[in-house]
C-alpha atoms as a PDB file:
ATOM      1  CA  UNK A   1      -1.252  -9.193  11.743  1.00  0.00           C
ATOM      2  CA  UNK A   2      -0.685  -7.374   8.468  1.00  0.00           C
ATOM      3  CA  UNK A   3       2.919  -6.412   7.695  1.00  0.00           C
ATOM      4  CA  UNK A   4       3.914  -4.378   4.634  1.00  0.00           C
ATOM      5  CA  UNK A   5       7.607  -3.759   3.920  1.00  0.00           C
ATOM      6  CA  UNK A   6       9.016  -1.308   1.358  1.00  0.00           C
ATOM      7  CA  UNK A   7       5.982  -1.523  -0.926  1.00  0.00           C
ATOM      8  CA  UNK A   8       6.428   0.276  -4.246  1.00  0.00           C
ATOM      9  CA  UNK A   9       4.134   0.720  -7.241  1.00  0.00           C
ATOM     10  CA  UNK A  10       4.437   3.009 -10.240  1.00  0.00           C
ATOM     11  CA  UNK A  11       2.090   3.818 -13.085  1.00  0.00           C
ATOM     12  CA  UNK A  12       4.460   4.973 -15.807  1.00  0.00           C
ATOM     13  CA  UNK A  13       6.404   7.906 -14.326  1.00  0.00           C
ATOM     14  CA  UNK A  14       3.871   8.392 -11.499  1.00  0.00           C
ATOM     15  CA  UNK A  15       5.007   6.697  -8.274  1.00  0.00           C
ATOM     16  CA  UNK A  16       1.839   5.742  -6.377  1.00  0.00           C
ATOM     17  CA  UNK A  17       3.714   4.002  -3.523  1.00  0.00           C
ATOM     18  CA  UNK A  18       7.306   4.709  -2.545  1.00  0.00           C
ATOM     19  CA  UNK A  19       8.674   2.455   0.198  1.00  0.00           C
ATOM     20  CA  UNK A  20       5.498   2.037   2.268  1.00  0.00           C
ATOM     21  CA  UNK A  21       6.030   0.269   5.613  1.00  0.00           C
ATOM     22  CA  UNK A  22       3.063  -0.630   7.790  1.00  0.00           C
ATOM     23  CA  UNK A  23       2.222  -3.004  10.653  1.00  0.00           C
ATOM     24  CA  UNK A  24      -1.361  -3.547  11.786  1.00  0.00           C
ATOM     25  CA  UNK A  25      -1.906  -5.838  14.767  1.00  0.00           C
ATOM     26  CA  UNK A  26      -4.810  -8.291  15.002  1.00  0.00           C
ATOM     27  CA  UNK A  27      -7.870  -6.492  16.404  1.00  0.00           C
ATOM     28  CA  UNK A  28      -6.667  -2.998  15.467  1.00  0.00           C
ATOM     29  CA  UNK A  29      -8.919  -0.712  13.477  1.00  0.00           C
ATOM     30  CA  UNK A  30      -7.025   1.209  10.827  1.00  0.00           C
ATOM     31  CA  UNK A  31      -8.130   3.758   8.233  1.00  0.00           C
ATOM     32  CA  UNK A  32      -6.432   5.313   5.221  1.00  0.00           C
ATOM     33  CA  UNK A  33      -6.938   9.031   4.745  1.00  0.00           C
ATOM     34  CA  UNK A  34      -5.156  11.355   2.360  1.00  0.00           C
ATOM     35  CA  UNK A  35      -5.487  13.377  -0.815  1.00  0.00           C
ATOM     36  CA  UNK A  36      -6.232  11.972  -4.264  1.00  0.00           C
ATOM     37  CA  UNK A  37      -3.214  10.139  -5.645  1.00  0.00           C
ATOM     38  CA  UNK A  38      -1.723   9.340  -2.229  1.00  0.00           C
ATOM     39  CA  UNK A  39      -1.823   5.563  -2.826  1.00  0.00           C
ATOM     40  CA  UNK A  40      -4.757   4.521  -0.629  1.00  0.00           C
ATOM     41  CA  UNK A  41      -6.624   2.490  -3.256  1.00  0.00           C
ATOM     42  CA  UNK A  42      -3.412   1.109  -4.723  1.00  0.00           C
ATOM     43  CA  UNK A  43      -2.371  -0.163  -1.285  1.00  0.00           C
ATOM     44  CA  UNK A  44      -5.717  -1.878  -0.719  1.00  0.00           C
ATOM     45  CA  UNK A  45      -5.668  -3.453  -4.198  1.00  0.00           C
ATOM     46  CA  UNK A  46      -2.196  -4.884  -3.542  1.00  0.00           C
ATOM     47  CA  UNK A  47      -3.151  -6.163  -0.070  1.00  0.00           C
ATOM     48  CA  UNK A  48      -6.269  -7.856  -1.483  1.00  0.00           C
ATOM     49  CA  UNK A  49      -4.334  -9.465  -4.354  1.00  0.00           C
ATOM     50  CA  UNK A  50      -6.002  -7.529  -7.165  1.00  0.00           C
ATOM     51  CA  UNK A  51      -2.765  -5.763  -8.138  1.00  0.00           C
ATOM     52  CA  UNK A  52       0.890  -6.777  -8.016  1.00  0.00           C
ATOM     53  CA  UNK A  53       3.491  -4.456  -6.474  1.00  0.00           C
ATOM     54  CA  UNK A  54       6.632  -3.445  -8.364  1.00  0.00           C
ATOM     55  CA  UNK A  55       8.650  -4.363  -5.260  1.00  0.00           C
ATOM     56  CA  UNK A  56       8.260  -4.984  -1.553  1.00  0.00           C
ATOM     57  CA  UNK A  57       6.359  -7.539   0.463  1.00  0.00           C
END
């Protein structure tokens, strides 16, 4: 299971993630879709440990 609680990340004044909450159960297939700048890549970088969040867990 992957649980994300109140994840936040900013790049200067640009807020890439603002209080993201997400639960993905084992065996679920999940995809991120959205416009440029929505925080998809930032979320995956934080989940994989390549980037540290400003806050959240």
